[in-house]
């Protein structure tokens, strides 16, 4: 059953704010192995590191759109609990990524030291699919595990379409990247439900500070503005531009793992969440995210084709903080994700 988009019920995204000129590709066309469409994905991942993915016109995409709408309704219920109840399910910083993160975290590398205003629930792919023993989640999330299982499986396969497309366009065997992100392997893949309260008065408030993602592919469903990426236009390099939500589309971005695997051939863009523009500033912001991350034992190093030169370094101050005295250390994916999570303050 096709679910009506919640985008239709929100205030209109204004036309007078700077928006990122990111490309749009079609999932149905990628599934048909269209070379021109695949080329658009490669170019996007070599430049902005972000692109829209039109999920309409194919059953695989429509399933994800419907599931994201159902998860949006789940998120409104889960976050409506009193804070003390949500804190019962708090993630353990430095120990586990999964559970509840409350608003107010300060990223270690944020020069302005602004507490974020976003809370979220991370639900592990491995927990809902029985790959690893599960922690306890709120009753609403426990009851929705069949839905979360469907969404994580479908979102992961969507990520595999992107990874196969990139491998082929780079002249690599199609399974080069998918073999590093096997669904059946233990990993840090997870579904995230997020919520940010409106910030009408404080225009300098930060939903999430500037960062790049850790993993391979991020698949985002959101309905309200607030996401920004840094401009690649030489005339305004580094300035922030909004990513306008589009009906029937997901927003796809690469994480630092793909930068490492391709030794900088592909890009992960800095992005952040700020108060939504225009009248949308008065509305609570929710989003549904799936993070595709390499299997825990995968080594974080370039694939053979991209090993000719020295390995690029990613993640800003990460190496100063976590690789002191270990300049040539090759992390496993699990070590990499754990250290990056500490850097983010969550």
C-alpha atoms as a PDB file:
ATOM      1  CA  UNK A   1       0.000   0.000   0.000  1.00  0.00           C
ATOM      2  CA  UNK A   2       1.377   3.404  -0.978  1.00  0.00           C
ATOM      3  CA  UNK A   3       1.646   5.763   2.028  1.00  0.00           C
ATOM      4  CA  UNK A   4       1.028   9.502   1.549  1.00  0.00           C
ATOM      5  CA  UNK A   5       4.173  11.614   2.032  1.00  0.00           C
ATOM      6  CA  UNK A   6       4.352  13.624   5.256  1.00  0.00           C
ATOM      7  CA  UNK A   7       6.158  16.313   3.252  1.00  0.00           C
ATOM      8  CA  UNK A   8       2.749  17.463   2.019  1.00  0.00           C
ATOM      9  CA  UNK A   9       1.635  18.520   5.514  1.00  0.00           C
ATOM     10  CA  UNK A  10       4.646  20.755   6.328  1.00  0.00           C
ATOM     11  CA  UNK A  11       5.243  24.464   5.687  1.00  0.00           C
ATOM     12  CA  UNK A  12       6.825  25.037   2.292  1.00  0.00           C
ATOM     13  CA  UNK A  13      10.618  25.044   2.003  1.00  0.00           C
ATOM     14  CA  UNK A  14      11.493  28.643   1.010  1.00  0.00           C
ATOM     15  CA  UNK A  15      12.899  29.432  -2.435  1.00  0.00           C
ATOM     16  CA  UNK A  16      15.185  32.273  -1.298  1.00  0.00           C
ATOM     17  CA  UNK A  17      17.827  30.293   0.607  1.00  0.00           C
ATOM     18  CA  UNK A  18      21.030  28.879  -0.950  1.00  0.00           C
ATOM     19  CA  UNK A  19      20.572  25.208  -1.833  1.00  0.00           C
ATOM     20  CA  UNK A  20      23.206  22.668  -2.806  1.00  0.00           C
ATOM     21  CA  UNK A  21      23.171  21.826  -6.548  1.00  0.00           C
ATOM     22  CA  UNK A  22      23.477  18.100  -5.976  1.00  0.00           C
ATOM     23  CA  UNK A  23      22.592  15.606  -8.694  1.00  0.00           C
ATOM     24  CA  UNK A  24      19.581  13.299  -8.776  1.00  0.00           C
ATOM     25  CA  UNK A  25      19.653   9.668  -9.892  1.00  0.00           C
ATOM     26  CA  UNK A  26      16.836   7.153 -10.234  1.00  0.00           C
ATOM     27  CA  UNK A  27      16.887   3.838  -8.368  1.00  0.00           C
ATOM     28  CA  UNK A  28      14.792   2.161 -11.059  1.00  0.00           C
ATOM     29  CA  UNK A  29      17.227   3.301 -13.748  1.00  0.00           C
ATOM     30  CA  UNK A  30      20.264   2.152 -11.749  1.00  0.00           C
ATOM     31  CA  UNK A  31      18.612  -1.243 -11.295  1.00  0.00           C
ATOM     32  CA  UNK A  32      18.306  -1.395 -15.083  1.00  0.00           C
ATOM     33  CA  UNK A  33      22.109  -0.929 -15.301  1.00  0.00           C
ATOM     34  CA  UNK A  34      21.847   2.316 -17.230  1.00  0.00           C
ATOM     35  CA  UNK A  35      25.411   3.551 -17.816  1.00  0.00           C
ATOM     36  CA  UNK A  36      24.533   7.235 -18.096  1.00  0.00           C
ATOM     37  CA  UNK A  37      22.659   7.148 -14.783  1.00  0.00           C
ATOM     38  CA  UNK A  38      25.548   5.278 -13.170  1.00  0.00           C
ATOM     39  CA  UNK A  39      27.915   7.968 -14.434  1.00  0.00           C
ATOM     40  CA  UNK A  40      25.865  10.618 -12.626  1.00  0.00           C
ATOM     41  CA  UNK A  41      26.302   8.706  -9.368  1.00  0.00           C
ATOM     42  CA  UNK A  42      30.067   8.440  -9.832  1.00  0.00           C
ATOM     43  CA  UNK A  43      30.419  12.137 -10.619  1.00  0.00           C
ATOM     44  CA  UNK A  44      28.340  13.051  -7.566  1.00  0.00           C
ATOM     45  CA  UNK A  45      30.527  10.862  -5.353  1.00  0.00           C
ATOM     46  CA  UNK A  46      33.708  12.391  -6.779  1.00  0.00           C
ATOM     47  CA  UNK A  47      32.507  15.937  -6.067  1.00  0.00           C
ATOM     48  CA  UNK A  48      29.760  16.730  -3.552  1.00  0.00           C
ATOM     49  CA  UNK A  49      29.667  13.289  -1.931  1.00  0.00           C
ATOM     50  CA  UNK A  50      25.858  13.688  -1.852  1.00  0.00           C
ATOM     51  CA  UNK A  51      23.059  13.005  -4.317  1.00  0.00           C
ATOM     52  CA  UNK A  52      19.293  12.528  -4.407  1.00  0.00           C
ATOM     53  CA  UNK A  53      17.970   9.068  -5.193  1.00  0.00           C
ATOM     54  CA  UNK A  54      14.495   9.010  -6.744  1.00  0.00           C
ATOM     55  CA  UNK A  55      12.751   6.042  -5.124  1.00  0.00           C
ATOM     56  CA  UNK A  56       9.602   6.202  -7.247  1.00  0.00           C
ATOM     57  CA  UNK A  57       8.719   3.995 -10.204  1.00  0.00           C
ATOM     58  CA  UNK A  58      10.060   0.749  -8.772  1.00  0.00           C
ATOM     59  CA  UNK A  59       8.792  -1.581  -6.019  1.00  0.00           C
ATOM     60  CA  UNK A  60      12.131  -1.557  -4.182  1.00  0.00           C
ATOM     61  CA  UNK A  61      12.067   2.217  -3.811  1.00  0.00           C
ATOM     62  CA  UNK A  62       8.368   2.452  -3.004  1.00  0.00           C
ATOM     63  CA  UNK A  63       8.800  -0.090  -0.210  1.00  0.00           C
ATOM     64  CA  UNK A  64      11.463   2.114   1.380  1.00  0.00           C
ATOM     65  CA  UNK A  65       9.324   5.238   1.047  1.00  0.00           C
ATOM     66  CA  UNK A  66       6.404   3.482   2.740  1.00  0.00           C
ATOM     67  CA  UNK A  67       8.615   2.056   5.502  1.00  0.00           C
ATOM     68  CA  UNK A  68      10.200   5.451   6.160  1.00  0.00           C
ATOM     69  CA  UNK A  69       6.750   6.998   6.629  1.00  0.00           C
ATOM     70  CA  UNK A  70       5.810   4.258   9.095  1.00  0.00           C
ATOM     71  CA  UNK A  71       9.100   4.763  10.957  1.00  0.00           C
ATOM     72  CA  UNK A  72       8.381   8.497  11.109  1.00  0.00           C
ATOM     73  CA  UNK A  73       5.180   7.718  12.991  1.00  0.00           C
ATOM     74  CA  UNK A  74       7.130   5.369  15.265  1.00  0.00           C
ATOM     75  CA  UNK A  75       9.666   8.124  15.966  1.00  0.00           C
ATOM     76  CA  UNK A  76       6.996  10.605  17.047  1.00  0.00           C
ATOM     77  CA  UNK A  77       5.750   8.060  19.595  1.00  0.00           C
ATOM     78  CA  UNK A  78       9.192   6.993  20.851  1.00  0.00           C
ATOM     79  CA  UNK A  79      10.420  10.557  21.377  1.00  0.00           C
ATOM     80  CA  UNK A  80       7.181  11.616  23.060  1.00  0.00           C
ATOM     81  CA  UNK A  81       8.192   9.700  26.191  1.00  0.00           C
ATOM     82  CA  UNK A  82       9.424  11.728  29.212  1.00  0.00           C
ATOM     83  CA  UNK A  83      13.203  12.232  29.170  1.00  0.00           C
ATOM     84  CA  UNK A  84      13.756  10.077  32.246  1.00  0.00           C
ATOM     85  CA  UNK A  85      12.060   7.151  30.495  1.00  0.00           C
ATOM     86  CA  UNK A  86      14.168   7.578  27.356  1.00  0.00           C
ATOM     87  CA  UNK A  87      17.308   7.760  29.474  1.00  0.00           C
ATOM     88  CA  UNK A  88      16.625   4.204  30.661  1.00  0.00           C
ATOM     89  CA  UNK A  89      17.682   3.090  27.188  1.00  0.00           C
ATOM     90  CA  UNK A  90      20.751   5.344  26.948  1.00  0.00           C
ATOM     91  CA  UNK A  91      23.635   4.186  24.817  1.00  0.00           C
ATOM     92  CA  UNK A  92      26.874   3.650  26.722  1.00  0.00           C
ATOM     93  CA  UNK A  93      29.414   6.153  25.485  1.00  0.00           C
ATOM     94  CA  UNK A  94      32.626   4.478  24.448  1.00  0.00           C
ATOM     95  CA  UNK A  95      31.017   1.050  24.819  1.00  0.00           C
ATOM     96  CA  UNK A  96      28.062   0.823  22.432  1.00  0.00           C
ATOM     97  CA  UNK A  97      26.527   2.912  19.668  1.00  0.00           C
ATOM     98  CA  UNK A  98      23.035   1.550  20.250  1.00  0.00           C
ATOM     99  CA  UNK A  99      20.213   2.973  22.305  1.00  0.00           C
ATOM    100  CA  UNK A 100      19.169   6.523  23.140  1.00  0.00           C
ATOM    101  CA  UNK A 101      21.321   9.654  22.769  1.00  0.00           C
ATOM    102  CA  UNK A 102      19.851  12.736  24.372  1.00  0.00           C
ATOM    103  CA  UNK A 103      20.339  16.277  23.108  1.00  0.00           C
ATOM    104  CA  UNK A 104      23.129  18.387  24.587  1.00  0.00           C
ATOM    105  CA  UNK A 105      26.240  16.512  23.422  1.00  0.00           C
ATOM    106  CA  UNK A 106      29.287  18.616  22.507  1.00  0.00           C
ATOM    107  CA  UNK A 107      31.456  17.264  19.696  1.00  0.00           C
ATOM    108  CA  UNK A 108      35.115  17.255  20.733  1.00  0.00           C
ATOM    109  CA  UNK A 109      36.244  18.894  17.487  1.00  0.00           C
ATOM    110  CA  UNK A 110      33.546  21.612  17.416  1.00  0.00           C
ATOM    111  CA  UNK A 111      35.465  24.859  17.929  1.00  0.00           C
ATOM    112  CA  UNK A 112      32.303  26.656  19.110  1.00  0.00           C
ATOM    113  CA  UNK A 113      31.515  23.973  21.742  1.00  0.00           C
ATOM    114  CA  UNK A 114      27.783  24.278  21.106  1.00  0.00           C
ATOM    115  CA  UNK A 115      25.629  21.506  22.624  1.00  0.00           C
ATOM    116  CA  UNK A 116      23.606  19.804  19.912  1.00  0.00           C
ATOM    117  CA  UNK A 117      19.807  19.883  19.950  1.00  0.00           C
ATOM    118  CA  UNK A 118      19.142  16.474  18.403  1.00  0.00           C
ATOM    119  CA  UNK A 119      18.140  13.289  20.187  1.00  0.00           C
ATOM    120  CA  UNK A 120      18.110   9.895  18.547  1.00  0.00           C
ATOM    121  CA  UNK A 121      17.576   6.186  18.940  1.00  0.00           C
ATOM    122  CA  UNK A 122      20.114   3.926  17.230  1.00  0.00           C
ATOM    123  CA  UNK A 123      18.762   0.438  16.516  1.00  0.00           C
ATOM    124  CA  UNK A 124      21.402  -2.091  15.436  1.00  0.00           C
ATOM    125  CA  UNK A 125      20.898  -4.132  12.278  1.00  0.00           C
ATOM    126  CA  UNK A 126      22.571  -7.042  14.072  1.00  0.00           C
ATOM    127  CA  UNK A 127      20.083  -6.822  16.966  1.00  0.00           C
ATOM    128  CA  UNK A 128      16.887  -6.928  14.922  1.00  0.00           C
ATOM    129  CA  UNK A 129      18.172  -9.691  12.636  1.00  0.00           C
ATOM    130  CA  UNK A 130      19.588 -11.925  15.391  1.00  0.00           C
ATOM    131  CA  UNK A 131      23.196 -11.605  14.219  1.00  0.00           C
ATOM    132  CA  UNK A 132      24.223 -10.415  17.693  1.00  0.00           C
ATOM    133  CA  UNK A 133      22.368 -10.560  21.049  1.00  0.00           C
ATOM    134  CA  UNK A 134      20.069  -7.550  21.343  1.00  0.00           C
ATOM    135  CA  UNK A 135      19.956  -4.899  24.000  1.00  0.00           C
ATOM    136  CA  UNK A 136      16.557  -3.709  25.255  1.00  0.00           C
ATOM    137  CA  UNK A 137      14.803  -0.926  23.358  1.00  0.00           C
ATOM    138  CA  UNK A 138      11.637   1.070  24.254  1.00  0.00           C
ATOM    139  CA  UNK A 139       8.364  -0.830  23.966  1.00  0.00           C
ATOM    140  CA  UNK A 140       7.358   1.055  20.799  1.00  0.00           C
ATOM    141  CA  UNK A 141      10.599   0.047  19.082  1.00  0.00           C
ATOM    142  CA  UNK A 142      10.424  -3.548  20.327  1.00  0.00           C
ATOM    143  CA  UNK A 143       6.901  -3.837  18.912  1.00  0.00           C
ATOM    144  CA  UNK A 144       8.045  -2.388  15.587  1.00  0.00           C
ATOM    145  CA  UNK A 145      10.964  -4.778  15.049  1.00  0.00           C
ATOM    146  CA  UNK A 146       9.270  -6.497  12.062  1.00  0.00           C
ATOM    147  CA  UNK A 147       9.040  -3.084  10.366  1.00  0.00           C
ATOM    148  CA  UNK A 148      12.644  -2.254  11.295  1.00  0.00           C
ATOM    149  CA  UNK A 149      13.794  -5.621   9.943  1.00  0.00           C
ATOM    150  CA  UNK A 150      12.131  -4.891   6.612  1.00  0.00           C
ATOM    151  CA  UNK A 151      13.532  -1.368   6.449  1.00  0.00           C
ATOM    152  CA  UNK A 152      17.104  -2.327   7.346  1.00  0.00           C
ATOM    153  CA  UNK A 153      17.130  -5.175   4.825  1.00  0.00           C
ATOM    154  CA  UNK A 154      15.711  -3.007   2.045  1.00  0.00           C
ATOM    155  CA  UNK A 155      17.870   0.023   2.873  1.00  0.00           C
ATOM    156  CA  UNK A 156      20.986  -2.137   2.979  1.00  0.00           C
ATOM    157  CA  UNK A 157      20.213  -3.548  -0.464  1.00  0.00           C
ATOM    158  CA  UNK A 158      19.683   0.001  -1.740  1.00  0.00           C
ATOM    159  CA  UNK A 159      23.161   0.805  -0.467  1.00  0.00           C
ATOM    160  CA  UNK A 160      24.498  -2.251  -2.297  1.00  0.00           C
ATOM    161  CA  UNK A 161      23.028  -0.931  -5.556  1.00  0.00           C
ATOM    162  CA  UNK A 162      25.040   2.266  -5.057  1.00  0.00           C
ATOM    163  CA  UNK A 163      28.223   0.343  -4.149  1.00  0.00           C
ATOM    164  CA  UNK A 164      27.932  -1.960  -7.156  1.00  0.00           C
ATOM    165  CA  UNK A 165      27.350   1.069  -9.378  1.00  0.00           C
ATOM    166  CA  UNK A 166      30.458   2.815  -8.049  1.00  0.00           C
ATOM    167  CA  UNK A 167      32.640  -0.279  -8.362  1.00  0.00           C
ATOM    168  CA  UNK A 168      31.650  -0.836 -11.979  1.00  0.00           C
ATOM    169  CA  UNK A 169      32.129   2.823 -12.878  1.00  0.00           C
ATOM    170  CA  UNK A 170      35.632   2.726 -11.330  1.00  0.00           C
ATOM    171  CA  UNK A 171      36.560  -0.319 -13.393  1.00  0.00           C
ATOM    172  CA  UNK A 172      36.479  -2.680 -10.418  1.00  0.00           C
ATOM    173  CA  UNK A 173      34.672  -6.023 -10.019  1.00  0.00           C
ATOM    174  CA  UNK A 174      31.056  -5.248  -9.035  1.00  0.00           C
ATOM    175  CA  UNK A 175      31.432  -6.966  -5.628  1.00  0.00           C
ATOM    176  CA  UNK A 176      34.584  -5.032  -4.594  1.00  0.00           C
ATOM    177  CA  UNK A 177      32.724  -2.850  -2.086  1.00  0.00           C
ATOM    178  CA  UNK A 178      29.656  -4.988  -1.404  1.00  0.00           C
ATOM    179  CA  UNK A 179      31.892  -7.815  -0.146  1.00  0.00           C
ATOM    180  CA  UNK A 180      33.153  -5.426   2.547  1.00  0.00           C
ATOM    181  CA  UNK A 181      29.585  -4.608   3.640  1.00  0.00           C
ATOM    182  CA  UNK A 182      27.860  -8.006   3.795  1.00  0.00           C
ATOM    183  CA  UNK A 183      24.451  -7.870   5.444  1.00  0.00           C
ATOM    184  CA  UNK A 184      24.978 -11.212   7.207  1.00  0.00           C
ATOM    185  CA  UNK A 185      28.240 -10.098   8.868  1.00  0.00           C
ATOM    186  CA  UNK A 186      28.526  -8.407  12.259  1.00  0.00           C
ATOM    187  CA  UNK A 187      28.898  -4.683  11.678  1.00  0.00           C
ATOM    188  CA  UNK A 188      27.973  -1.258  12.995  1.00  0.00           C
ATOM    189  CA  UNK A 189      25.073  -0.867  10.524  1.00  0.00           C
ATOM    190  CA  UNK A 190      22.040   0.665  12.157  1.00  0.00           C
ATOM    191  CA  UNK A 191      18.739   2.432  11.727  1.00  0.00           C
ATOM    192  CA  UNK A 192      18.536   5.836  13.408  1.00  0.00           C
ATOM    193  CA  UNK A 193      15.367   7.661  14.401  1.00  0.00           C
ATOM    194  CA  UNK A 194      16.139  11.353  15.028  1.00  0.00           C
ATOM    195  CA  UNK A 195      14.273  14.286  16.509  1.00  0.00           C
ATOM    196  CA  UNK A 196      15.259  17.953  16.784  1.00  0.00           C
ATOM    197  CA  UNK A 197      13.094  20.487  18.589  1.00  0.00           C
ATOM    198  CA  UNK A 198      12.375  23.844  16.899  1.00  0.00           C
ATOM    199  CA  UNK A 199      14.787  26.718  17.557  1.00  0.00           C
ATOM    200  CA  UNK A 200      12.793  29.823  16.793  1.00  0.00           C
ATOM    201  CA  UNK A 201      14.733  32.284  18.968  1.00  0.00           C
ATOM    202  CA  UNK A 202      18.282  30.935  18.778  1.00  0.00           C
ATOM    203  CA  UNK A 203      19.413  31.285  15.158  1.00  0.00           C
ATOM    204  CA  UNK A 204      22.897  30.026  16.078  1.00  0.00           C
ATOM    205  CA  UNK A 205      21.622  26.762  17.535  1.00  0.00           C
ATOM    206  CA  UNK A 206      23.112  23.604  16.111  1.00  0.00           C
ATOM    207  CA  UNK A 207      21.128  20.444  15.502  1.00  0.00           C
ATOM    208  CA  UNK A 208      24.255  18.422  14.764  1.00  0.00           C
ATOM    209  CA  UNK A 209      27.686  20.042  14.314  1.00  0.00           C
ATOM    210  CA  UNK A 210      29.797  19.735  11.195  1.00  0.00           C
ATOM    211  CA  UNK A 211      31.014  16.196  10.530  1.00  0.00           C
ATOM    212  CA  UNK A 212      31.574  13.521   7.926  1.00  0.00           C
ATOM    213  CA  UNK A 213      29.946  10.109   8.279  1.00  0.00           C
ATOM    214  CA  UNK A 214      32.037   7.105   9.343  1.00  0.00           C
ATOM    215  CA  UNK A 215      30.793   4.301   7.145  1.00  0.00           C
ATOM    216  CA  UNK A 216      30.258   3.451   3.489  1.00  0.00           C
ATOM    217  CA  UNK A 217      26.794   4.737   2.515  1.00  0.00           C
ATOM    218  CA  UNK A 218      24.199   6.787   4.410  1.00  0.00           C
ATOM    219  CA  UNK A 219      20.557   6.633   3.277  1.00  0.00           C
ATOM    220  CA  UNK A 220      18.464   9.489   4.675  1.00  0.00           C
ATOM    221  CA  UNK A 221      14.729  10.101   4.616  1.00  0.00           C
ATOM    222  CA  UNK A 222      13.756  13.526   5.902  1.00  0.00           C
ATOM    223  CA  UNK A 223      10.838  15.853   5.437  1.00  0.00           C
ATOM    224  CA  UNK A 224      12.002  19.164   6.882  1.00  0.00           C
ATOM    225  CA  UNK A 225      14.905  21.434   5.934  1.00  0.00           C
ATOM    226  CA  UNK A 226      17.931  21.911   8.174  1.00  0.00           C
ATOM    227  CA  UNK A 227      20.536  19.658   6.572  1.00  0.00           C
ATOM    228  CA  UNK A 228      23.398  21.652   5.048  1.00  0.00           C
ATOM    229  CA  UNK A 229      26.545  20.697   3.153  1.00  0.00           C
ATOM    230  CA  UNK A 230      29.575  22.801   2.324  1.00  0.00           C
ATOM    231  CA  UNK A 231      29.640  24.375  -1.133  1.00  0.00           C
ATOM    232  CA  UNK A 232      32.064  23.095  -3.787  1.00  0.00           C
ATOM    233  CA  UNK A 233      31.611  26.276  -5.866  1.00  0.00           C
ATOM    234  CA  UNK A 234      35.080  27.951  -6.062  1.00  0.00           C
ATOM    235  CA  UNK A 235      33.460  31.370  -5.566  1.00  0.00           C
ATOM    236  CA  UNK A 236      31.928  30.357  -2.223  1.00  0.00           C
ATOM    237  CA  UNK A 237      34.032  27.399  -1.196  1.00  0.00           C
ATOM    238  CA  UNK A 238      33.193  26.171   2.295  1.00  0.00           C
ATOM    239  CA  UNK A 239      29.956  28.174   2.625  1.00  0.00           C
ATOM    240  CA  UNK A 240      26.945  26.218   3.839  1.00  0.00           C
ATOM    241  CA  UNK A 241      24.049  25.350   1.525  1.00  0.00           C
ATOM    242  CA  UNK A 242      20.741  23.679   2.418  1.00  0.00           C
ATOM    243  CA  UNK A 243      19.746  20.332   0.984  1.00  0.00           C
ATOM    244  CA  UNK A 244      16.092  20.723   0.046  1.00  0.00           C
ATOM    245  CA  UNK A 245      13.938  17.650   0.855  1.00  0.00           C
ATOM    246  CA  UNK A 246      12.289  16.309  -2.302  1.00  0.00           C
ATOM    247  CA  UNK A 247       9.128  14.181  -2.333  1.00  0.00           C
ATOM    248  CA  UNK A 248       9.750  10.576  -3.289  1.00  0.00           C
ATOM    249  CA  UNK A 249      13.525  10.882  -2.871  1.00  0.00           C
ATOM    250  CA  UNK A 250      16.114   9.720  -0.375  1.00  0.00           C
ATOM    251  CA  UNK A 251      19.324  11.666   0.206  1.00  0.00           C
ATOM    252  CA  UNK A 252      22.437   9.524  -0.235  1.00  0.00           C
ATOM    253  CA  UNK A 253      25.910  10.430   0.969  1.00  0.00           C
ATOM    254  CA  UNK A 254      29.240   8.670   1.174  1.00  0.00           C
ATOM    255  CA  UNK A 255      31.084   8.090   4.418  1.00  0.00           C
ATOM    256  CA  UNK A 256      34.803   8.140   5.151  1.00  0.00           C
ATOM    257  CA  UNK A 257      35.126   4.379   4.674  1.00  0.00           C
ATOM    258  CA  UNK A 258      34.647   4.826   0.922  1.00  0.00           C
ATOM    259  CA  UNK A 259      37.245   7.593   0.923  1.00  0.00           C
ATOM    260  CA  UNK A 260      39.682   5.148   2.523  1.00  0.00           C
ATOM    261  CA  UNK A 261      38.814   2.227   0.228  1.00  0.00           C
ATOM    262  CA  UNK A 262      39.367   4.427  -2.875  1.00  0.00           C
ATOM    263  CA  UNK A 263      42.278   6.431  -1.400  1.00  0.00           C
ATOM    264  CA  UNK A 264      40.500   9.725  -1.947  1.00  0.00           C
ATOM    265  CA  UNK A 265      39.021   9.032  -5.392  1.00  0.00           C
ATOM    266  CA  UNK A 266      35.557   9.334  -3.816  1.00  0.00           C
ATOM    267  CA  UNK A 267      34.551  12.096  -1.406  1.00  0.00           C
ATOM    268  CA  UNK A 268      32.674  12.375   1.882  1.00  0.00           C
ATOM    269  CA  UNK A 269      31.292  15.861   2.413  1.00  0.00           C
ATOM    270  CA  UNK A 270      31.109  17.803   5.645  1.00  0.00           C
ATOM    271  CA  UNK A 271      27.506  18.342   6.654  1.00  0.00           C
ATOM    272  CA  UNK A 272      25.552  19.629   9.620  1.00  0.00           C
ATOM    273  CA  UNK A 273      22.000  20.227  10.851  1.00  0.00           C
ATOM    274  CA  UNK A 274      20.860  23.769  11.703  1.00  0.00           C
ATOM    275  CA  UNK A 275      17.444  25.368  12.317  1.00  0.00           C
ATOM    276  CA  UNK A 276      15.167  24.846   9.319  1.00  0.00           C
ATOM    277  CA  UNK A 277      14.645  27.834   7.005  1.00  0.00           C
ATOM    278  CA  UNK A 278      11.554  30.012   6.731  1.00  0.00           C
ATOM    279  CA  UNK A 279       8.353  28.924   8.446  1.00  0.00           C
ATOM    280  CA  UNK A 280       9.775  25.424   8.845  1.00  0.00           C
ATOM    281  CA  UNK A 281      11.788  26.739  11.813  1.00  0.00           C
ATOM    282  CA  UNK A 282       8.629  26.332  13.939  1.00  0.00           C
ATOM    283  CA  UNK A 283       8.296  22.586  13.301  1.00  0.00           C
ATOM    284  CA  UNK A 284       9.899  19.584  15.005  1.00  0.00           C
ATOM    285  CA  UNK A 285      12.380  17.895  12.674  1.00  0.00           C
ATOM    286  CA  UNK A 286      12.404  14.104  12.348  1.00  0.00           C
ATOM    287  CA  UNK A 287      14.486  11.930  10.077  1.00  0.00           C
ATOM    288  CA  UNK A 288      14.999   8.226   9.421  1.00  0.00           C
ATOM    289  CA  UNK A 289      18.512   7.084   8.547  1.00  0.00           C
ATOM    290  CA  UNK A 290      20.230   3.838   7.640  1.00  0.00           C
ATOM    291  CA  UNK A 291      24.011   3.619   7.904  1.00  0.00           C
ATOM    292  CA  UNK A 292      25.796   0.983   5.804  1.00  0.00           C
ATOM    293  CA  UNK A 293      29.135   0.313   7.475  1.00  0.00           C
ATOM    294  CA  UNK A 294      31.871  -2.228   6.694  1.00  0.00           C
ATOM    295  CA  UNK A 295      31.788  -5.580   8.489  1.00  0.00           C
ATOM    296  CA  UNK A 296      33.628  -5.430  11.809  1.00  0.00           C
ATOM    297  CA  UNK A 297      36.733  -7.363  10.707  1.00  0.00           C
ATOM    298  CA  UNK A 298      37.267  -5.507   7.407  1.00  0.00           C
ATOM    299  CA  UNK A 299      40.623  -3.703   7.290  1.00  0.00           C
ATOM    300  CA  UNK A 300      40.376   0.018   6.654  1.00  0.00           C
ATOM    301  CA  UNK A 301      42.814   0.364   3.762  1.00  0.00           C
ATOM    302  CA  UNK A 302      42.559   1.072   0.020  1.00  0.00           C
ATOM    303  CA  UNK A 303      41.540  -1.681  -2.380  1.00  0.00           C
ATOM    304  CA  UNK A 304      44.337  -2.917  -4.645  1.00  0.00           C
ATOM    305  CA  UNK A 305      43.691  -0.515  -7.544  1.00  0.00           C
ATOM    306  CA  UNK A 306      44.126   2.510  -5.270  1.00  0.00           C
ATOM    307  CA  UNK A 307      47.146   1.422  -3.217  1.00  0.00           C
ATOM    308  CA  UNK A 308      49.817   2.914  -5.479  1.00  0.00           C
ATOM    309  CA  UNK A 309      50.326   6.133  -3.509  1.00  0.00           C
ATOM    310  CA  UNK A 310      50.361   6.916   0.206  1.00  0.00           C
ATOM    311  CA  UNK A 311      47.027   6.517   1.961  1.00  0.00           C
ATOM    312  CA  UNK A 312      44.948   9.660   2.377  1.00  0.00           C
ATOM    313  CA  UNK A 313      43.954  10.674   5.875  1.00  0.00           C
ATOM    314  CA  UNK A 314      40.346  11.495   6.648  1.00  0.00           C
ATOM    315  CA  UNK A 315      38.294  12.588   9.670  1.00  0.00           C
ATOM    316  CA  UNK A 316      39.983  15.851  10.561  1.00  0.00           C
ATOM    317  CA  UNK A 317      41.652  15.698  13.947  1.00  0.00           C
ATOM    318  CA  UNK A 318      40.956  11.986  14.273  1.00  0.00           C
ATOM    319  CA  UNK A 319      44.564  10.993  13.630  1.00  0.00           C
ATOM    320  CA  UNK A 320      45.941  13.529  16.107  1.00  0.00           C
ATOM    321  CA  UNK A 321      43.673  12.143  18.829  1.00  0.00           C
ATOM    322  CA  UNK A 322      43.653   8.389  18.199  1.00  0.00           C
ATOM    323  CA  UNK A 323      46.742   7.478  16.177  1.00  0.00           C
ATOM    324  CA  UNK A 324      49.445   9.116  18.275  1.00  0.00           C
ATOM    325  CA  UNK A 325      52.568   6.978  17.880  1.00  0.00           C
ATOM    326  CA  UNK A 326      50.738   4.666  15.454  1.00  0.00           C
ATOM    327  CA  UNK A 327      51.168   6.491  12.162  1.00  0.00           C
ATOM    328  CA  UNK A 328      50.903   3.351  10.039  1.00  0.00           C
ATOM    329  CA  UNK A 329      48.220   1.548  12.034  1.00  0.00           C
ATOM    330  CA  UNK A 330      45.548  -0.162   9.927  1.00  0.00           C
ATOM    331  CA  UNK A 331      42.280  -0.219  11.839  1.00  0.00           C
ATOM    332  CA  UNK A 332      39.650  -2.879  11.599  1.00  0.00           C
ATOM    333  CA  UNK A 333      36.242  -1.419  10.828  1.00  0.00           C
ATOM    334  CA  UNK A 334      35.091  -1.978  14.422  1.00  0.00           C
ATOM    335  CA  UNK A 335      38.139  -0.172  15.832  1.00  0.00           C
ATOM    336  CA  UNK A 336      37.599   2.670  13.376  1.00  0.00           C
ATOM    337  CA  UNK A 337      33.895   3.064  14.208  1.00  0.00           C
ATOM    338  CA  UNK A 338      34.484   2.970  17.965  1.00  0.00           C
ATOM    339  CA  UNK A 339      37.216   5.605  17.800  1.00  0.00           C
ATOM    340  CA  UNK A 340      35.161   7.859  15.517  1.00  0.00           C
ATOM    341  CA  UNK A 341      32.158   7.584  17.849  1.00  0.00           C
ATOM    342  CA  UNK A 342      34.333   8.778  20.747  1.00  0.00           C
ATOM    343  CA  UNK A 343      35.492  11.689  18.609  1.00  0.00           C
ATOM    344  CA  UNK A 344      31.861  12.676  17.946  1.00  0.00           C
ATOM    345  CA  UNK A 345      31.091  12.625  21.653  1.00  0.00           C
ATOM    346  CA  UNK A 346      28.522   9.814  21.417  1.00  0.00           C
END
